Amino acid sequence: MLRILRHENIVELKEAFKRKNRVYLVFEYVDRTLLDVLELSPNGLDSEYIRKIIYQLVKSIEYMHSFEVVHRDVKPENLLITMQDELKLCDFGFARVLPKPNELITDYVATRWYRSPELLLSYPFYGKPIDMWAIACILGELIDG
């Protein structure tokens, strides 16, 4: 999936190779996450910083959604922040291409705190709004810490 998803706000897959029945993935280096940033600001972040981060996050999700792909695990730990405050979405282990209408997709996603109501209620059909719900949860976290 990361070979297809090339965007300035998605972590870059530099190389992938296999040796002795193991697959190795080499990514661009980014040394901190949005969770690290949040932990340094327990009362919330500056409104201009929040605007910049959320804008980049929405751009990355919009790009993924244009390929009919949902991330399904948007959370601060999966949002890398460069030293120039550029956001890079990472961890595509739960990402899936959306099925055709009336086809099921698993309702399991990793992090309970950012799950949308349809996932919490095990609704069998869901789509792109689950990522938008997670973005709104992150926005709230950025505002009040």
C-alpha atoms as a PDB file:
ATOM      1  CA  MET A   1       0.000   0.000   0.000  1.00  0.00           C
ATOM      2  CA  LEU A   2       2.821   2.409   0.829  1.00  0.00           C
ATOM      3  CA  ARG A   3       4.298   1.908  -2.636  1.00  0.00           C
ATOM      4  CA  ILE A   4       1.088   3.460  -4.027  1.00  0.00           C
ATOM      5  CA  LEU A   5       0.499   6.133  -1.385  1.00  0.00           C
ATOM      6  CA  ARG A   6       3.130   8.774  -2.117  1.00  0.00           C
ATOM      7  CA  HIS A   7       2.282  12.064  -0.414  1.00  0.00           C
ATOM      8  CA  GLU A   8       4.191  14.745   1.480  1.00  0.00           C
ATOM      9  CA  ASN A   9       2.220  13.959   4.647  1.00  0.00           C
ATOM     10  CA  ILE A  10       2.593  10.185   4.498  1.00  0.00           C
ATOM     11  CA  VAL A  11       5.799   8.573   5.742  1.00  0.00           C
ATOM     12  CA  GLU A  12       7.993   7.579   2.809  1.00  0.00           C
ATOM     13  CA  LEU A  13       8.841   3.940   2.266  1.00  0.00           C
ATOM     14  CA  LYS A  14      12.458   4.087   1.081  1.00  0.00           C
ATOM     15  CA  GLU A  15      13.020   0.400   0.468  1.00  0.00           C
ATOM     16  CA  ALA A  16      11.512  -3.031   1.090  1.00  0.00           C
ATOM     17  CA  PHE A  17      13.434  -6.278   0.830  1.00  0.00           C
ATOM     18  CA  LYS A  18      13.250  -9.877   1.960  1.00  0.00           C
ATOM     19  CA  ARG A  19      16.027 -11.928   3.551  1.00  0.00           C
ATOM     20  CA  LYS A  20      15.754 -15.351   5.143  1.00  0.00           C
ATOM     21  CA  ASN A  21      11.948 -15.355   5.269  1.00  0.00           C
ATOM     22  CA  ARG A  22      11.803 -11.869   6.817  1.00  0.00           C
ATOM     23  CA  VAL A  23      10.563  -8.688   5.220  1.00  0.00           C
ATOM     24  CA  TYR A  24      12.431  -5.483   6.031  1.00  0.00           C
ATOM     25  CA  LEU A  25      10.902  -2.047   5.486  1.00  0.00           C
ATOM     26  CA  VAL A  26      13.084   1.062   5.457  1.00  0.00           C
ATOM     27  CA  PHE A  27      11.294   4.368   6.108  1.00  0.00           C
ATOM     28  CA  GLU A  28      12.364   7.988   6.225  1.00  0.00           C
ATOM     29  CA  TYR A  29      13.512   8.945   9.715  1.00  0.00           C
ATOM     30  CA  VAL A  30      11.288  11.124  11.880  1.00  0.00           C
ATOM     31  CA  ASP A  31      12.214  11.195  15.558  1.00  0.00           C
ATOM     32  CA  ARG A  32       9.008  12.219  17.340  1.00  0.00           C
ATOM     33  CA  THR A  33       5.270  11.680  17.299  1.00  0.00           C
ATOM     34  CA  LEU A  34       2.323  13.916  18.008  1.00  0.00           C
ATOM     35  CA  LEU A  35       1.983  12.079  21.315  1.00  0.00           C
ATOM     36  CA  ASP A  36       5.467  13.320  22.270  1.00  0.00           C
ATOM     37  CA  VAL A  37       4.384  16.876  21.411  1.00  0.00           C
ATOM     38  CA  LEU A  38       1.155  16.503  23.414  1.00  0.00           C
ATOM     39  CA  GLU A  39       3.002  15.222  26.477  1.00  0.00           C
ATOM     40  CA  LEU A  40       5.086  18.414  26.496  1.00  0.00           C
ATOM     41  CA  SER A  41       1.907  20.557  26.462  1.00  0.00           C
ATOM     42  CA  PRO A  42      -0.552  19.044  28.949  1.00  0.00           C
ATOM     43  CA  ASN A  43      -2.885  22.083  28.720  1.00  0.00           C
ATOM     44  CA  GLY A  44      -3.186  22.063  24.935  1.00  0.00           C
ATOM     45  CA  LEU A  45      -1.276  23.572  22.052  1.00  0.00           C
ATOM     46  CA  ASP A  46      -1.161  26.937  20.319  1.00  0.00           C
ATOM     47  CA  SER A  47      -4.081  27.460  17.910  1.00  0.00           C
ATOM     48  CA  GLU A  48      -1.808  28.179  14.913  1.00  0.00           C
ATOM     49  CA  TYR A  49       0.149  24.967  15.545  1.00  0.00           C
ATOM     50  CA  ILE A  50      -3.115  23.016  15.834  1.00  0.00           C
ATOM     51  CA  ARG A  51      -4.366  24.481  12.558  1.00  0.00           C
ATOM     52  CA  LYS A  52      -1.142  23.509  10.792  1.00  0.00           C
ATOM     53  CA  ILE A  53      -1.127  19.942  12.129  1.00  0.00           C
ATOM     54  CA  ILE A  54      -4.817  19.252  11.492  1.00  0.00           C
ATOM     55  CA  TYR A  55      -4.563  20.692   7.977  1.00  0.00           C
ATOM     56  CA  GLN A  56      -1.696  18.331   7.139  1.00  0.00           C
ATOM     57  CA  LEU A  57      -3.537  15.386   8.677  1.00  0.00           C
ATOM     58  CA  VAL A  58      -6.694  16.115   6.692  1.00  0.00           C
ATOM     59  CA  LYS A  59      -4.614  16.399   3.493  1.00  0.00           C
ATOM     60  CA  SER A  60      -3.029  12.987   4.089  1.00  0.00           C
ATOM     61  CA  ILE A  61      -6.379  11.321   4.839  1.00  0.00           C
ATOM     62  CA  GLU A  62      -8.047  13.000   1.862  1.00  0.00           C
ATOM     63  CA  TYR A  63      -5.285  11.617  -0.346  1.00  0.00           C
ATOM     64  CA  MET A  64      -5.718   8.092   1.052  1.00  0.00           C
ATOM     65  CA  HIS A  65      -9.478   8.296   0.675  1.00  0.00           C
ATOM     66  CA  SER A  66      -9.066   9.267  -2.989  1.00  0.00           C
ATOM     67  CA  PHE A  67      -7.675   5.737  -3.445  1.00  0.00           C
ATOM     68  CA  GLU A  68     -10.628   4.288  -1.478  1.00  0.00           C
ATOM     69  CA  VAL A  69      -8.250   3.402   1.373  1.00  0.00           C
ATOM     70  CA  VAL A  70      -9.116   3.910   5.048  1.00  0.00           C
ATOM     71  CA  HIS A  71      -6.350   4.084   7.643  1.00  0.00           C
ATOM     72  CA  ARG A  72      -8.436   2.784  10.566  1.00  0.00           C
ATOM     73  CA  ASP A  73      -5.818   3.608  13.205  1.00  0.00           C
ATOM     74  CA  VAL A  74      -5.394   7.387  13.194  1.00  0.00           C
ATOM     75  CA  LYS A  75      -4.006   8.374  16.607  1.00  0.00           C
ATOM     76  CA  PRO A  76      -1.233  10.633  17.950  1.00  0.00           C
ATOM     77  CA  GLU A  77       1.275   7.750  18.095  1.00  0.00           C
ATOM     78  CA  ASN A  78       0.824   7.220  14.341  1.00  0.00           C
ATOM     79  CA  LEU A  79       1.420  10.861  13.461  1.00  0.00           C
ATOM     80  CA  LEU A  80       5.102  11.633  13.093  1.00  0.00           C
ATOM     81  CA  ILE A  81       6.238  15.249  13.446  1.00  0.00           C
ATOM     82  CA  THR A  82       9.466  16.450  11.827  1.00  0.00           C
ATOM     83  CA  MET A  83      11.676  19.160  13.309  1.00  0.00           C
ATOM     84  CA  GLN A  84      10.045  21.539  10.777  1.00  0.00           C
ATOM     85  CA  ASP A  85       6.604  20.608  12.186  1.00  0.00           C
ATOM     86  CA  GLU A  86       5.626  18.614   9.113  1.00  0.00           C
ATOM     87  CA  LEU A  87       3.191  15.796   9.812  1.00  0.00           C
ATOM     88  CA  LYS A  88       3.782  12.293   8.417  1.00  0.00           C
ATOM     89  CA  LEU A  89       1.028   9.682   8.768  1.00  0.00           C
ATOM     90  CA  CYS A  90       2.469   6.221   9.491  1.00  0.00           C
ATOM     91  CA  ASP A  91       1.574   2.661  10.568  1.00  0.00           C
ATOM     92  CA  PHE A  92      -0.608   1.235   7.828  1.00  0.00           C
ATOM     93  CA  GLY A  93      -1.041  -2.173   9.446  1.00  0.00           C
ATOM     94  CA  PHE A  94      -4.807  -1.725   9.763  1.00  0.00           C
ATOM     95  CA  ALA A  95      -5.311   0.230   6.517  1.00  0.00           C
ATOM     96  CA  ARG A  96      -7.687  -1.399   4.034  1.00  0.00           C
ATOM     97  CA  VAL A  97      -9.098  -0.741   0.611  1.00  0.00           C
ATOM     98  CA  LEU A  98     -12.815  -0.150   1.048  1.00  0.00           C
ATOM     99  CA  PRO A  99     -14.959  -3.034  -0.178  1.00  0.00           C
ATOM    100  CA  LYS A 100     -17.734  -2.678  -2.706  1.00  0.00           C
ATOM    101  CA  PRO A 101     -21.177  -1.706  -1.346  1.00  0.00           C
ATOM    102  CA  ASN A 102     -22.706  -4.362   0.920  1.00  0.00           C
ATOM    103  CA  GLU A 103     -19.381  -6.214   1.312  1.00  0.00           C
ATOM    104  CA  LEU A 104     -18.147  -6.602   4.860  1.00  0.00           C
ATOM    105  CA  ILE A 105     -14.868  -5.339   6.234  1.00  0.00           C
ATOM    106  CA  THR A 106     -13.568  -6.332   9.656  1.00  0.00           C
ATOM    107  CA  ASP A 107     -14.598  -3.983  12.458  1.00  0.00           C
ATOM    108  CA  TYR A 108     -11.383  -4.537  14.402  1.00  0.00           C
ATOM    109  CA  VAL A 109      -9.124  -1.524  14.672  1.00  0.00           C
ATOM    110  CA  ALA A 110      -6.430  -1.167  17.265  1.00  0.00           C
ATOM    111  CA  THR A 111      -7.131   1.862  19.430  1.00  0.00           C
ATOM    112  CA  ARG A 112     -10.410   2.155  21.275  1.00  0.00           C
ATOM    113  CA  TRP A 113     -10.070   5.857  22.168  1.00  0.00           C
ATOM    114  CA  TYR A 114     -10.335   7.013  18.557  1.00  0.00           C
ATOM    115  CA  ARG A 115     -13.000   4.579  17.325  1.00  0.00           C
ATOM    116  CA  SER A 116     -16.125   5.963  15.728  1.00  0.00           C
ATOM    117  CA  PRO A 117     -19.606   5.017  17.029  1.00  0.00           C
ATOM    118  CA  GLU A 118     -20.196   2.581  14.144  1.00  0.00           C
ATOM    119  CA  LEU A 119     -17.045   0.668  15.100  1.00  0.00           C
ATOM    120  CA  LEU A 120     -17.856   0.726  18.806  1.00  0.00           C
ATOM    121  CA  LEU A 121     -21.290  -0.705  18.012  1.00  0.00           C
ATOM    122  CA  SER A 122     -19.832  -3.292  15.598  1.00  0.00           C
ATOM    123  CA  TYR A 123     -21.794  -1.971  12.643  1.00  0.00           C
ATOM    124  CA  PRO A 124     -20.818  -4.232   9.717  1.00  0.00           C
ATOM    125  CA  PHE A 125     -20.694  -1.470   7.075  1.00  0.00           C
ATOM    126  CA  TYR A 126     -18.519   1.585   7.520  1.00  0.00           C
ATOM    127  CA  GLY A 127     -16.276   3.783   5.443  1.00  0.00           C
ATOM    128  CA  LYS A 128     -14.242   6.945   5.278  1.00  0.00           C
ATOM    129  CA  PRO A 129     -16.013   8.744   8.155  1.00  0.00           C
ATOM    130  CA  ILE A 130     -14.217   6.521  10.679  1.00  0.00           C
ATOM    131  CA  ASP A 131     -10.949   8.307   9.895  1.00  0.00           C
ATOM    132  CA  MET A 132     -12.663  11.699  10.143  1.00  0.00           C
ATOM    133  CA  TRP A 133     -14.001  10.787  13.593  1.00  0.00           C
ATOM    134  CA  ALA A 134     -10.453  10.013  14.738  1.00  0.00           C
ATOM    135  CA  ILE A 135      -9.257  13.373  13.381  1.00  0.00           C
ATOM    136  CA  ALA A 136     -11.953  15.142  15.419  1.00  0.00           C
ATOM    137  CA  CYS A 137     -10.863  13.262  18.550  1.00  0.00           C
ATOM    138  CA  ILE A 138      -7.269  14.341  17.949  1.00  0.00           C
ATOM    139  CA  LEU A 139      -8.392  17.942  17.392  1.00  0.00           C
ATOM    140  CA  GLY A 140     -10.088  17.909  20.794  1.00  0.00           C
ATOM    141  CA  GLU A 141      -6.957  16.515  22.385  1.00  0.00           C
ATOM    142  CA  LEU A 142      -4.766  19.167  20.779  1.00  0.00           C
ATOM    143  CA  ILE A 143      -7.049  21.947  22.008  1.00  0.00           C
ATOM    144  CA  ASP A 144      -7.325  20.936  25.675  1.00  0.00           C
ATOM    145  CA  GLY A 145      -4.397  18.572  26.177  1.00  0.00           C
END
